[in-house]
Amino acid sequence: MEIMAVRIIAIDDHQVVIDGLTSMLTGAELDVVFTTTNADALLSYLEQGSAEVLFLDIQMPGVSGIDLCRQIRKLNPDLRIIAFSSFDESHLVKQMMRSGASGYLLKNADKQTVIKAIETVMAGEEFLDETIKDILLKESLTGQRRSIFDIPLTNREKEILKLIAEGLSNQEIADRLYISLRTVETHRLNLSQKLSAKNTAMLVKEAIRRGLVE
């Protein structure tokens, strides 16, 4: 399949990830036309610019990649969106695909896999990382859904979740734990994605339901 004319855009909150992806794709004769670390900048670009494939990080500060995917799909229904993530939890994969993503790729993917993902979505098919396929297959065979009720949280996430349930703001949590506000926001976004919660009330309710907080 000829992919020389495919225009690529990418968004990730870490510039080093964007640089690595851009370097990887440049040698493949793909046209990386726009990159950003900011969701608003991406939406502004999509109002005027165009592309065929978007690599979308699902962990963006201040915005859920899942919600952003839905928003982008409404703005540009023809854009092929490939979720680009460090998370392999099945519930995140399913949410992204249901939100309009054409593929789900882990950030440790090699160049060959990235190119294959682009070729696959450009052919109108869905692409899933082999690791993701294995996880979904095991869940299907065993009937057990990984990361739905038995969601692995880090000690820091558990700590922050407890403080959120106590009603502390992001800044208050940052001050209490002696960490940056950005770090708290990132952990909070991770928790919202892992627990499929759209707001604080839902996050606390879901945490209580799963016995993660009292």
N, C-alpha and C. Protein backbone atom coordinates (compact mmCIF):
# COMPACT_ATOMS: atom_id res chain seq x y z
N MET A 1 0.85 -1.21 0.00
CA MET A 1 0.00 0.00 0.00
C MET A 1 0.88 1.25 0.00
N GLU A 2 0.55 2.21 -0.84
CA GLU A 2 1.30 3.45 -0.93
C GLU A 2 0.88 4.40 0.18
N ILE A 3 1.81 4.81 1.03
CA ILE A 3 1.46 5.67 2.14
C ILE A 3 2.27 6.97 2.15
N MET A 4 2.93 7.27 1.01
CA MET A 4 3.78 8.46 0.96
C MET A 4 3.00 9.74 1.21
N ALA A 5 1.73 9.77 0.77
CA ALA A 5 0.95 11.00 0.88
C ALA A 5 0.24 11.14 2.22
N VAL A 6 0.39 10.18 3.09
CA VAL A 6 -0.32 10.22 4.37
C VAL A 6 0.24 11.33 5.25
N ARG A 7 -0.63 12.22 5.66
CA ARG A 7 -0.22 13.31 6.55
C ARG A 7 -0.53 12.91 7.99
N ILE A 8 0.46 13.10 8.84
CA ILE A 8 0.37 12.67 10.24
C ILE A 8 0.40 13.86 11.18
N ILE A 9 -0.45 13.81 12.23
CA ILE A 9 -0.35 14.76 13.32
C ILE A 9 -0.27 13.97 14.62
N ALA A 10 0.31 14.57 15.63
CA ALA A 10 0.50 13.85 16.89
C ALA A 10 0.39 14.80 18.07
N ILE A 11 -0.22 14.29 19.15
CA ILE A 11 -0.30 15.07 20.39
C ILE A 11 0.11 14.17 21.55
N ASP A 12 0.99 14.69 22.37
CA ASP A 12 1.44 13.99 23.57
C ASP A 12 1.95 15.05 24.54
N ASP A 13 1.73 14.83 25.83
CA ASP A 13 2.16 15.86 26.79
C ASP A 13 3.65 15.81 27.07
N HIS A 14 4.36 14.86 26.48
CA HIS A 14 5.80 14.80 26.62
C HIS A 14 6.46 15.04 25.25
N GLN A 15 7.22 16.12 25.15
CA GLN A 15 7.85 16.47 23.88
C GLN A 15 8.80 15.39 23.41
N VAL A 16 9.44 14.70 24.34
CA VAL A 16 10.38 13.65 23.95
C VAL A 16 9.68 12.52 23.21
N VAL A 17 8.43 12.23 23.57
CA VAL A 17 7.65 11.20 22.88
C VAL A 17 7.34 11.65 21.46
N ILE A 18 6.94 12.91 21.32
CA ILE A 18 6.65 13.47 20.00
C ILE A 18 7.90 13.45 19.13
N ASP A 19 9.03 13.85 19.70
CA ASP A 19 10.28 13.87 18.93
C ASP A 19 10.65 12.46 18.46
N GLY A 20 10.47 11.49 19.35
CA GLY A 20 10.80 10.12 18.99
C GLY A 20 9.90 9.58 17.89
N LEU A 21 8.61 9.87 18.00
CA LEU A 21 7.65 9.42 16.99
C LEU A 21 7.92 10.10 15.66
N THR A 22 8.19 11.41 15.70
CA THR A 22 8.47 12.15 14.47
C THR A 22 9.71 11.61 13.77
N SER A 23 10.74 11.35 14.54
CA SER A 23 11.98 10.80 13.98
C SER A 23 11.73 9.44 13.34
N MET A 24 10.92 8.63 14.00
CA MET A 24 10.60 7.30 13.50
C MET A 24 9.84 7.37 12.18
N LEU A 25 8.90 8.30 12.07
CA LEU A 25 8.06 8.38 10.89
C LEU A 25 8.73 9.10 9.73
N THR A 26 9.63 10.02 10.03
CA THR A 26 10.31 10.77 8.98
C THR A 26 11.06 9.85 8.02
N GLY A 27 11.70 8.84 8.56
CA GLY A 27 12.44 7.91 7.73
C GLY A 27 11.56 6.99 6.92
N ALA A 28 10.27 6.99 7.21
CA ALA A 28 9.34 6.12 6.50
C ALA A 28 8.61 6.86 5.38
N GLU A 29 9.09 8.05 5.04
CA GLU A 29 8.52 8.86 3.98
C GLU A 29 7.06 9.24 4.26
N LEU A 30 6.78 9.49 5.52
CA LEU A 30 5.47 9.98 5.94
C LEU A 30 5.60 11.46 6.26
N ASP A 31 4.54 12.18 6.05
CA ASP A 31 4.58 13.63 6.22
C ASP A 31 3.98 14.04 7.56
N VAL A 32 4.84 14.30 8.54
CA VAL A 32 4.38 14.76 9.85
C VAL A 32 4.14 16.26 9.74
N VAL A 33 2.88 16.66 9.67
CA VAL A 33 2.54 18.05 9.37
C VAL A 33 2.31 18.91 10.60
N PHE A 34 2.03 18.26 11.75
CA PHE A 34 1.77 19.07 12.96
C PHE A 34 1.93 18.21 14.20
N THR A 35 2.58 18.77 15.22
CA THR A 35 2.70 18.11 16.52
C THR A 35 2.46 19.14 17.60
N THR A 36 1.96 18.69 18.74
CA THR A 36 1.72 19.61 19.85
C THR A 36 1.65 18.84 21.16
N THR A 37 1.81 19.57 22.25
CA THR A 37 1.63 19.00 23.58
C THR A 37 0.36 19.53 24.23
N ASN A 38 -0.42 20.29 23.45
CA ASN A 38 -1.57 21.00 24.00
C ASN A 38 -2.85 20.68 23.24
N ALA A 39 -3.90 20.31 23.95
CA ALA A 39 -5.16 19.92 23.32
C ALA A 39 -5.82 21.08 22.57
N ASP A 40 -5.78 22.28 23.15
CA ASP A 40 -6.39 23.44 22.49
C ASP A 40 -5.70 23.74 21.16
N ALA A 41 -4.37 23.60 21.15
CA ALA A 41 -3.61 23.84 19.92
C ALA A 41 -4.00 22.82 18.85
N LEU A 42 -4.22 21.59 19.27
CA LEU A 42 -4.63 20.55 18.32
C LEU A 42 -5.99 20.87 17.73
N LEU A 43 -6.94 21.25 18.57
CA LEU A 43 -8.29 21.56 18.08
C LEU A 43 -8.26 22.77 17.15
N SER A 44 -7.42 23.74 17.45
CA SER A 44 -7.28 24.92 16.59
C SER A 44 -6.73 24.52 15.23
N TYR A 45 -5.75 23.63 15.23
CA TYR A 45 -5.17 23.17 13.97
C TYR A 45 -6.23 22.44 13.13
N LEU A 46 -7.02 21.60 13.77
CA LEU A 46 -8.02 20.80 13.04
C LEU A 46 -9.12 21.66 12.43
N GLU A 47 -9.29 22.87 12.93
CA GLU A 47 -10.30 23.77 12.36
C GLU A 47 -9.84 24.32 11.02
N GLN A 48 -8.52 24.32 10.78
CA GLN A 48 -7.98 24.90 9.56
C GLN A 48 -7.15 23.91 8.75
N GLY A 49 -6.30 23.14 9.44
CA GLY A 49 -5.43 22.20 8.75
C GLY A 49 -6.09 20.86 8.54
N SER A 50 -5.37 19.97 7.88
CA SER A 50 -5.92 18.65 7.61
C SER A 50 -4.84 17.59 7.72
N ALA A 51 -5.28 16.37 7.93
CA ALA A 51 -4.38 15.23 8.02
C ALA A 51 -5.21 13.97 7.88
N GLU A 52 -4.53 12.85 7.70
CA GLU A 52 -5.23 11.58 7.59
C GLU A 52 -5.17 10.77 8.89
N VAL A 53 -4.06 10.89 9.62
CA VAL A 53 -3.87 10.08 10.82
C VAL A 53 -3.43 10.93 12.00
N LEU A 54 -4.05 10.70 13.14
CA LEU A 54 -3.68 11.39 14.38
C LEU A 54 -3.22 10.37 15.42
N PHE A 55 -2.03 10.57 15.97
CA PHE A 55 -1.57 9.80 17.11
C PHE A 55 -1.97 10.58 18.36
N LEU A 56 -2.84 9.99 19.17
CA LEU A 56 -3.44 10.68 20.30
C LEU A 56 -3.05 10.03 21.62
N ASP A 57 -2.33 10.77 22.45
CA ASP A 57 -2.01 10.31 23.80
C ASP A 57 -3.30 10.35 24.62
N ILE A 58 -3.58 9.30 25.38
CA ILE A 58 -4.82 9.29 26.17
C ILE A 58 -4.61 9.86 27.56
N GLN A 59 -3.38 10.26 27.88
CA GLN A 59 -3.08 10.82 29.20
C GLN A 59 -2.60 12.24 29.03
N MET A 60 -3.54 13.17 28.87
CA MET A 60 -3.21 14.57 28.71
C MET A 60 -3.61 15.35 29.96
N PRO A 61 -2.77 16.27 30.42
CA PRO A 61 -3.10 17.04 31.62
C PRO A 61 -4.33 17.92 31.40
N GLY A 62 -5.30 17.77 32.29
CA GLY A 62 -6.47 18.62 32.23
C GLY A 62 -7.56 18.17 31.27
N VAL A 63 -7.30 17.12 30.50
CA VAL A 63 -8.31 16.64 29.57
C VAL A 63 -8.14 15.14 29.37
N SER A 64 -9.24 14.44 29.30
CA SER A 64 -9.20 13.00 29.04
C SER A 64 -9.02 12.75 27.56
N GLY A 65 -8.09 11.89 27.21
CA GLY A 65 -7.89 11.54 25.81
C GLY A 65 -9.13 10.91 25.22
N ILE A 66 -9.90 10.23 26.06
CA ILE A 66 -11.13 9.60 25.61
C ILE A 66 -12.15 10.67 25.20
N ASP A 67 -12.31 11.69 26.04
CA ASP A 67 -13.23 12.78 25.70
C ASP A 67 -12.73 13.56 24.48
N LEU A 68 -11.41 13.75 24.41
CA LEU A 68 -10.82 14.47 23.29
C LEU A 68 -11.03 13.70 21.99
N CYS A 69 -10.95 12.39 22.08
CA CYS A 69 -11.18 11.55 20.90
C CYS A 69 -12.60 11.76 20.37
N ARG A 70 -13.57 11.78 21.27
CA ARG A 70 -14.97 11.99 20.86
C ARG A 70 -15.13 13.36 20.20
N GLN A 71 -14.50 14.37 20.80
CA GLN A 71 -14.61 15.73 20.28
C GLN A 71 -13.99 15.84 18.89
N ILE A 72 -12.84 15.22 18.72
CA ILE A 72 -12.16 15.25 17.43
C ILE A 72 -12.96 14.51 16.38
N ARG A 73 -13.56 13.39 16.77
CA ARG A 73 -14.36 12.60 15.84
C ARG A 73 -15.52 13.42 15.29
N LYS A 74 -16.12 14.29 16.14
CA LYS A 74 -17.22 15.13 15.69
C LYS A 74 -16.72 16.21 14.73
N LEU A 75 -15.53 16.75 15.00
CA LEU A 75 -14.96 17.79 14.16
C LEU A 75 -14.49 17.25 12.82
N ASN A 76 -13.89 16.06 12.86
CA ASN A 76 -13.31 15.49 11.64
C ASN A 76 -13.56 13.99 11.62
N PRO A 77 -14.74 13.57 11.16
CA PRO A 77 -15.08 12.14 11.17
C PRO A 77 -14.22 11.26 10.28
N ASP A 78 -13.50 11.87 9.33
CA ASP A 78 -12.67 11.09 8.42
C ASP A 78 -11.25 10.86 8.95
N LEU A 79 -10.89 11.56 10.01
CA LEU A 79 -9.54 11.43 10.56
C LEU A 79 -9.39 10.09 11.27
N ARG A 80 -8.35 9.34 10.92
CA ARG A 80 -8.07 8.08 11.60
C ARG A 80 -7.28 8.38 12.87
N ILE A 81 -7.84 7.99 13.99
CA ILE A 81 -7.21 8.27 15.28
C ILE A 81 -6.58 6.99 15.83
N ILE A 82 -5.29 7.06 16.13
CA ILE A 82 -4.59 5.94 16.76
C ILE A 82 -4.24 6.35 18.18
N ALA A 83 -4.85 5.70 19.15
CA ALA A 83 -4.51 5.97 20.54
C ALA A 83 -3.08 5.53 20.78
N PHE A 84 -2.31 6.39 21.41
CA PHE A 84 -0.88 6.14 21.64
C PHE A 84 -0.65 6.24 23.14
N SER A 85 -0.45 5.10 23.80
CA SER A 85 -0.52 5.10 25.25
C SER A 85 0.49 4.15 25.89
N SER A 86 0.76 4.41 27.16
CA SER A 86 1.58 3.51 27.97
C SER A 86 0.71 2.50 28.70
N PHE A 87 -0.61 2.72 28.68
CA PHE A 87 -1.55 1.88 29.42
C PHE A 87 -2.07 0.75 28.55
N ASP A 88 -2.07 -0.47 29.10
CA ASP A 88 -2.61 -1.60 28.36
C ASP A 88 -3.90 -2.14 28.99
N GLU A 89 -4.50 -1.39 29.91
CA GLU A 89 -5.73 -1.83 30.55
C GLU A 89 -6.86 -1.94 29.52
N SER A 90 -7.55 -3.06 29.54
CA SER A 90 -8.56 -3.35 28.53
C SER A 90 -9.70 -2.33 28.53
N HIS A 91 -10.08 -1.83 29.71
CA HIS A 91 -11.21 -0.90 29.74
C HIS A 91 -10.87 0.40 29.04
N LEU A 92 -9.60 0.82 29.08
CA LEU A 92 -9.17 2.02 28.37
C LEU A 92 -9.19 1.78 26.87
N VAL A 93 -8.73 0.61 26.46
CA VAL A 93 -8.73 0.25 25.04
C VAL A 93 -10.16 0.30 24.50
N LYS A 94 -11.07 -0.33 25.22
CA LYS A 94 -12.46 -0.40 24.76
C LYS A 94 -13.10 0.99 24.73
N GLN A 95 -12.80 1.81 25.72
CA GLN A 95 -13.36 3.16 25.75
C GLN A 95 -12.86 3.98 24.57
N MET A 96 -11.57 3.86 24.26
CA MET A 96 -11.01 4.61 23.14
C MET A 96 -11.61 4.15 21.82
N MET A 97 -11.74 2.86 21.64
CA MET A 97 -12.29 2.35 20.38
C MET A 97 -13.76 2.74 20.24
N ARG A 98 -14.49 2.70 21.35
CA ARG A 98 -15.90 3.11 21.30
C ARG A 98 -16.05 4.61 21.08
N SER A 99 -15.02 5.35 21.43
CA SER A 99 -15.06 6.81 21.27
C SER A 99 -14.65 7.25 19.87
N GLY A 100 -14.29 6.28 19.03
CA GLY A 100 -14.00 6.63 17.64
C GLY A 100 -12.58 6.39 17.18
N ALA A 101 -11.73 5.84 18.03
CA ALA A 101 -10.35 5.55 17.61
C ALA A 101 -10.34 4.40 16.62
N SER A 102 -9.41 4.45 15.68
CA SER A 102 -9.27 3.38 14.70
C SER A 102 -8.22 2.37 15.12
N GLY A 103 -7.41 2.74 16.11
CA GLY A 103 -6.36 1.84 16.55
C GLY A 103 -5.87 2.17 17.94
N TYR A 104 -5.16 1.23 18.54
CA TYR A 104 -4.60 1.42 19.87
C TYR A 104 -3.18 0.86 19.86
N LEU A 105 -2.21 1.73 20.11
CA LEU A 105 -0.81 1.37 20.00
C LEU A 105 -0.08 1.74 21.29
N LEU A 106 0.74 0.83 21.78
CA LEU A 106 1.53 1.11 22.97
C LEU A 106 2.78 1.90 22.60
N LYS A 107 3.24 2.74 23.51
CA LYS A 107 4.35 3.63 23.22
C LYS A 107 5.70 2.92 23.07
N ASN A 108 5.76 1.67 23.48
CA ASN A 108 7.01 0.93 23.29
C ASN A 108 7.07 0.21 21.95
N ALA A 109 6.11 0.50 21.08
CA ALA A 109 6.05 -0.14 19.77
C ALA A 109 7.27 0.25 18.92
N ASP A 110 7.75 -0.70 18.12
CA ASP A 110 8.88 -0.40 17.24
C ASP A 110 8.38 0.23 15.94
N LYS A 111 9.32 0.65 15.12
CA LYS A 111 8.98 1.36 13.89
C LYS A 111 8.10 0.52 12.97
N GLN A 112 8.41 -0.75 12.84
CA GLN A 112 7.64 -1.62 11.96
C GLN A 112 6.17 -1.69 12.40
N THR A 113 5.95 -1.76 13.70
CA THR A 113 4.58 -1.83 14.22
C THR A 113 3.84 -0.52 14.00
N VAL A 114 4.53 0.59 14.19
CA VAL A 114 3.92 1.91 13.98
C VAL A 114 3.49 2.06 12.52
N ILE A 115 4.38 1.67 11.60
CA ILE A 115 4.05 1.75 10.17
C ILE A 115 2.86 0.85 9.84
N LYS A 116 2.87 -0.35 10.42
CA LYS A 116 1.77 -1.28 10.17
C LYS A 116 0.45 -0.70 10.67
N ALA A 117 0.49 -0.02 11.82
CA ALA A 117 -0.71 0.59 12.37
C ALA A 117 -1.27 1.64 11.40
N ILE A 118 -0.39 2.45 10.84
CA ILE A 118 -0.81 3.48 9.89
C ILE A 118 -1.41 2.84 8.64
N GLU A 119 -0.74 1.84 8.12
CA GLU A 119 -1.24 1.16 6.92
C GLU A 119 -2.61 0.53 7.17
N THR A 120 -2.76 -0.05 8.34
CA THR A 120 -4.02 -0.75 8.67
C THR A 120 -5.19 0.21 8.76
N VAL A 121 -5.01 1.33 9.49
CA VAL A 121 -6.13 2.27 9.63
C VAL A 121 -6.41 3.00 8.32
N MET A 122 -5.38 3.21 7.51
CA MET A 122 -5.60 3.86 6.22
C MET A 122 -6.36 2.94 5.27
N ALA A 123 -6.29 1.64 5.53
CA ALA A 123 -7.04 0.67 4.72
C ALA A 123 -8.48 0.52 5.21
N GLY A 124 -8.82 1.30 6.24
CA GLY A 124 -10.18 1.27 6.77
C GLY A 124 -10.42 0.19 7.80
N GLU A 125 -9.34 -0.40 8.32
CA GLU A 125 -9.47 -1.45 9.31
C GLU A 125 -8.99 -0.96 10.67
N GLU A 126 -9.33 -1.69 11.72
CA GLU A 126 -8.88 -1.34 13.06
C GLU A 126 -7.56 -2.03 13.37
N PHE A 127 -6.72 -1.35 14.14
CA PHE A 127 -5.43 -1.93 14.53
C PHE A 127 -5.32 -1.97 16.04
N LEU A 128 -4.92 -3.13 16.55
CA LEU A 128 -4.65 -3.27 17.98
C LEU A 128 -3.26 -3.84 18.15
N ASP A 129 -2.51 -3.26 19.08
CA ASP A 129 -1.19 -3.77 19.42
C ASP A 129 -1.31 -5.24 19.82
N GLU A 130 -0.32 -6.06 19.47
CA GLU A 130 -0.36 -7.49 19.77
C GLU A 130 -0.53 -7.75 21.26
N THR A 131 0.10 -6.92 22.09
CA THR A 131 -0.05 -7.07 23.54
C THR A 131 -1.50 -6.88 23.95
N ILE A 132 -2.16 -5.90 23.35
CA ILE A 132 -3.56 -5.63 23.64
C ILE A 132 -4.43 -6.80 23.18
N LYS A 133 -4.13 -7.33 22.02
CA LYS A 133 -4.89 -8.48 21.51
C LYS A 133 -4.82 -9.65 22.48
N ASP A 134 -3.62 -9.89 23.00
CA ASP A 134 -3.42 -11.01 23.94
C ASP A 134 -4.26 -10.81 25.20
N ILE A 135 -4.28 -9.59 25.71
CA ILE A 135 -5.04 -9.29 26.92
C ILE A 135 -6.53 -9.51 26.69
N LEU A 136 -7.03 -9.00 25.57
CA LEU A 136 -8.46 -9.14 25.25
C LEU A 136 -8.83 -10.60 25.02
N LEU A 137 -7.91 -11.35 24.38
CA LEU A 137 -8.18 -12.77 24.13
C LEU A 137 -8.26 -13.55 25.44
N LYS A 138 -7.32 -13.28 26.35
CA LYS A 138 -7.32 -13.98 27.64
C LYS A 138 -8.58 -13.67 28.43
N GLU A 139 -9.02 -12.43 28.38
CA GLU A 139 -10.25 -12.06 29.07
C GLU A 139 -11.44 -12.77 28.47
N SER A 140 -11.44 -12.89 27.14
CA SER A 140 -12.53 -13.56 26.46
C SER A 140 -12.58 -15.05 26.79
N LEU A 141 -11.41 -15.67 26.87
CA LEU A 141 -11.34 -17.10 27.13
C LEU A 141 -11.64 -17.45 28.59
N THR A 142 -11.19 -16.59 29.50
CA THR A 142 -11.37 -16.88 30.93
C THR A 142 -12.67 -16.32 31.49
N GLY A 143 -13.24 -15.36 30.75
CA GLY A 143 -14.45 -14.73 31.24
C GLY A 143 -14.19 -13.73 32.35
N GLN A 144 -12.91 -13.46 32.59
CA GLN A 144 -12.53 -12.50 33.63
C GLN A 144 -12.03 -11.23 32.98
N ARG A 145 -12.59 -10.12 33.39
CA ARG A 145 -12.19 -8.84 32.82
C ARG A 145 -11.11 -8.20 33.67
N ARG A 146 -9.95 -8.05 33.10
CA ARG A 146 -8.84 -7.46 33.82
C ARG A 146 -9.02 -5.96 33.95
N SER A 147 -8.69 -5.44 35.11
CA SER A 147 -8.66 -4.00 35.35
C SER A 147 -10.03 -3.34 35.34
N ILE A 148 -11.08 -4.11 35.62
CA ILE A 148 -12.39 -3.50 35.73
C ILE A 148 -12.72 -3.27 37.20
N PHE A 149 -12.70 -4.34 38.00
CA PHE A 149 -12.89 -4.17 39.43
C PHE A 149 -11.57 -4.32 40.17
N ASP A 150 -10.70 -5.15 39.67
CA ASP A 150 -9.38 -5.33 40.27
C ASP A 150 -8.39 -4.44 39.55
N ILE A 151 -8.59 -3.13 39.67
CA ILE A 151 -7.76 -2.17 38.97
C ILE A 151 -6.49 -1.88 39.78
N PRO A 152 -5.33 -2.11 39.17
CA PRO A 152 -4.09 -1.85 39.89
C PRO A 152 -3.82 -0.35 40.04
N LEU A 153 -3.78 0.12 41.26
CA LEU A 153 -3.44 1.51 41.53
C LEU A 153 -2.10 1.56 42.22
N THR A 154 -1.31 2.57 41.88
CA THR A 154 -0.04 2.76 42.57
C THR A 154 -0.31 3.28 43.98
N ASN A 155 0.68 3.19 44.83
CA ASN A 155 0.52 3.70 46.20
C ASN A 155 0.21 5.20 46.19
N ARG A 156 0.85 5.92 45.28
CA ARG A 156 0.59 7.36 45.19
C ARG A 156 -0.83 7.63 44.72
N GLU A 157 -1.32 6.83 43.76
CA GLU A 157 -2.68 7.01 43.28
C GLU A 157 -3.68 6.74 44.40
N LYS A 158 -3.43 5.71 45.19
CA LYS A 158 -4.31 5.41 46.32
C LYS A 158 -4.31 6.55 47.32
N GLU A 159 -3.14 7.12 47.55
CA GLU A 159 -3.00 8.23 48.49
C GLU A 159 -3.79 9.45 48.00
N ILE A 160 -3.64 9.76 46.72
CA ILE A 160 -4.33 10.92 46.15
C ILE A 160 -5.83 10.67 46.08
N LEU A 161 -6.23 9.46 45.76
CA LEU A 161 -7.65 9.13 45.70
C LEU A 161 -8.31 9.34 47.06
N LYS A 162 -7.63 8.95 48.12
CA LYS A 162 -8.14 9.12 49.48
C LYS A 162 -8.34 10.61 49.79
N LEU A 163 -7.39 11.44 49.38
CA LEU A 163 -7.48 12.88 49.64
C LEU A 163 -8.58 13.53 48.79
N ILE A 164 -8.76 13.03 47.57
CA ILE A 164 -9.85 13.54 46.73
C ILE A 164 -11.18 13.24 47.39
N ALA A 165 -11.30 12.02 47.94
CA ALA A 165 -12.53 11.61 48.61
C ALA A 165 -12.79 12.45 49.85
N GLU A 166 -11.72 12.99 50.44
CA GLU A 166 -11.86 13.85 51.61
C GLU A 166 -12.23 15.27 51.23
N GLY A 167 -12.27 15.55 49.91
CA GLY A 167 -12.71 16.85 49.44
C GLY A 167 -11.61 17.86 49.18
N LEU A 168 -10.35 17.42 49.19
CA LEU A 168 -9.25 18.35 48.96
C LEU A 168 -9.13 18.70 47.48
N SER A 169 -8.74 19.94 47.20
CA SER A 169 -8.52 20.38 45.83
C SER A 169 -7.16 19.88 45.35
N ASN A 170 -6.91 20.01 44.07
CA ASN A 170 -5.61 19.59 43.52
C ASN A 170 -4.46 20.32 44.20
N GLN A 171 -4.63 21.63 44.40
CA GLN A 171 -3.56 22.42 45.02
C GLN A 171 -3.36 22.00 46.48
N GLU A 172 -4.45 21.73 47.17
CA GLU A 172 -4.34 21.29 48.57
C GLU A 172 -3.65 19.93 48.67
N ILE A 173 -3.93 19.06 47.72
CA ILE A 173 -3.28 17.75 47.70
C ILE A 173 -1.78 17.92 47.42
N ALA A 174 -1.45 18.79 46.47
CA ALA A 174 -0.05 19.05 46.14
C ALA A 174 0.70 19.57 47.37
N ASP A 175 0.07 20.49 48.10
CA ASP A 175 0.69 21.05 49.30
C ASP A 175 0.83 19.99 50.39
N ARG A 176 -0.17 19.15 50.54
CA ARG A 176 -0.16 18.12 51.58
C ARG A 176 0.94 17.08 51.32
N LEU A 177 1.12 16.72 50.05
CA LEU A 177 2.07 15.65 49.71
C LEU A 177 3.43 16.18 49.26
N TYR A 178 3.57 17.50 49.21
CA TYR A 178 4.83 18.12 48.80
C TYR A 178 5.23 17.69 47.39
N ILE A 179 4.25 17.72 46.49
CA ILE A 179 4.51 17.42 45.09
C ILE A 179 3.93 18.56 44.25
N SER A 180 4.25 18.58 42.96
CA SER A 180 3.78 19.66 42.11
C SER A 180 2.31 19.50 41.76
N LEU A 181 1.68 20.62 41.42
CA LEU A 181 0.28 20.61 41.01
C LEU A 181 0.12 19.77 39.75
N ARG A 182 1.08 19.87 38.83
CA ARG A 182 1.03 19.09 37.59
C ARG A 182 1.03 17.59 37.89
N THR A 183 1.81 17.17 38.86
CA THR A 183 1.86 15.76 39.23
C THR A 183 0.51 15.28 39.74
N VAL A 184 -0.12 16.11 40.57
CA VAL A 184 -1.45 15.76 41.09
C VAL A 184 -2.45 15.65 39.95
N GLU A 185 -2.41 16.61 39.03
CA GLU A 185 -3.34 16.60 37.89
C GLU A 185 -3.17 15.34 37.04
N THR A 186 -1.92 14.93 36.86
CA THR A 186 -1.64 13.72 36.07
C THR A 186 -2.19 12.48 36.76
N HIS A 187 -1.93 12.38 38.08
CA HIS A 187 -2.45 11.24 38.83
C HIS A 187 -3.98 11.24 38.84
N ARG A 188 -4.56 12.41 38.94
CA ARG A 188 -6.03 12.51 38.97
C ARG A 188 -6.63 12.06 37.64
N LEU A 189 -5.98 12.44 36.55
CA LEU A 189 -6.44 12.02 35.23
C LEU A 189 -6.33 10.52 35.08
N ASN A 190 -5.21 9.95 35.55
CA ASN A 190 -5.03 8.50 35.50
C ASN A 190 -6.15 7.79 36.27
N LEU A 191 -6.46 8.31 37.44
CA LEU A 191 -7.52 7.72 38.26
C LEU A 191 -8.87 7.80 37.56
N SER A 192 -9.15 8.94 36.95
CA SER A 192 -10.42 9.11 36.24
C SER A 192 -10.54 8.13 35.08
N GLN A 193 -9.43 7.91 34.38
CA GLN A 193 -9.45 6.97 33.26
C GLN A 193 -9.57 5.54 33.74
N LYS A 194 -8.84 5.19 34.79
CA LYS A 194 -8.88 3.83 35.30
C LYS A 194 -10.25 3.48 35.88
N LEU A 195 -10.92 4.46 36.48
CA LEU A 195 -12.21 4.21 37.10
C LEU A 195 -13.38 4.65 36.22
N SER A 196 -13.05 5.09 35.00
CA SER A 196 -14.09 5.51 34.03
C SER A 196 -15.01 6.57 34.62
N ALA A 197 -14.41 7.57 35.25
CA ALA A 197 -15.18 8.63 35.90
C ALA A 197 -14.99 9.95 35.16
N LYS A 198 -16.10 10.63 34.86
CA LYS A 198 -16.03 11.88 34.10
C LYS A 198 -15.83 13.11 34.98
N ASN A 199 -16.12 12.98 36.29
CA ASN A 199 -15.96 14.12 37.17
C ASN A 199 -15.62 13.63 38.58
N THR A 200 -15.41 14.56 39.49
CA THR A 200 -14.99 14.20 40.84
C THR A 200 -16.05 13.39 41.57
N ALA A 201 -17.30 13.76 41.42
CA ALA A 201 -18.37 13.04 42.10
C ALA A 201 -18.42 11.58 41.66
N MET A 202 -18.29 11.36 40.35
CA MET A 202 -18.30 9.99 39.83
C MET A 202 -17.06 9.23 40.27
N LEU A 203 -15.93 9.95 40.34
CA LEU A 203 -14.67 9.31 40.76
C LEU A 203 -14.78 8.80 42.19
N VAL A 204 -15.30 9.64 43.07
CA VAL A 204 -15.44 9.25 44.48
C VAL A 204 -16.47 8.14 44.62
N LYS A 205 -17.58 8.27 43.91
CA LYS A 205 -18.63 7.24 43.98
C LYS A 205 -18.11 5.89 43.52
N GLU A 206 -17.36 5.88 42.43
CA GLU A 206 -16.83 4.63 41.88
C GLU A 206 -15.77 4.05 42.81
N ALA A 207 -14.97 4.91 43.42
CA ALA A 207 -13.92 4.45 44.34
C ALA A 207 -14.56 3.79 45.56
N ILE A 208 -15.64 4.38 46.05
CA ILE A 208 -16.34 3.80 47.20
C ILE A 208 -16.97 2.45 46.82
N ARG A 209 -17.57 2.42 45.63
CA ARG A 209 -18.23 1.19 45.18
C ARG A 209 -17.25 0.04 45.05
N ARG A 210 -16.03 0.36 44.67
CA ARG A 210 -15.02 -0.68 44.48
C ARG A 210 -14.22 -0.94 45.75
N GLY A 211 -14.56 -0.22 46.82
CA GLY A 211 -13.88 -0.45 48.08
C GLY A 211 -12.48 0.13 48.16
N LEU A 212 -12.22 1.10 47.28
CA LEU A 212 -10.88 1.71 47.25
C LEU A 212 -10.75 2.79 48.32
N VAL A 213 -11.86 3.37 48.71
CA VAL A 213 -11.89 4.34 49.82
C VAL A 213 -13.13 4.05 50.64
N GLU A 214 -13.16 4.57 51.84
CA GLU A 214 -14.32 4.37 52.71
C GLU A 214 -15.20 5.60 52.70
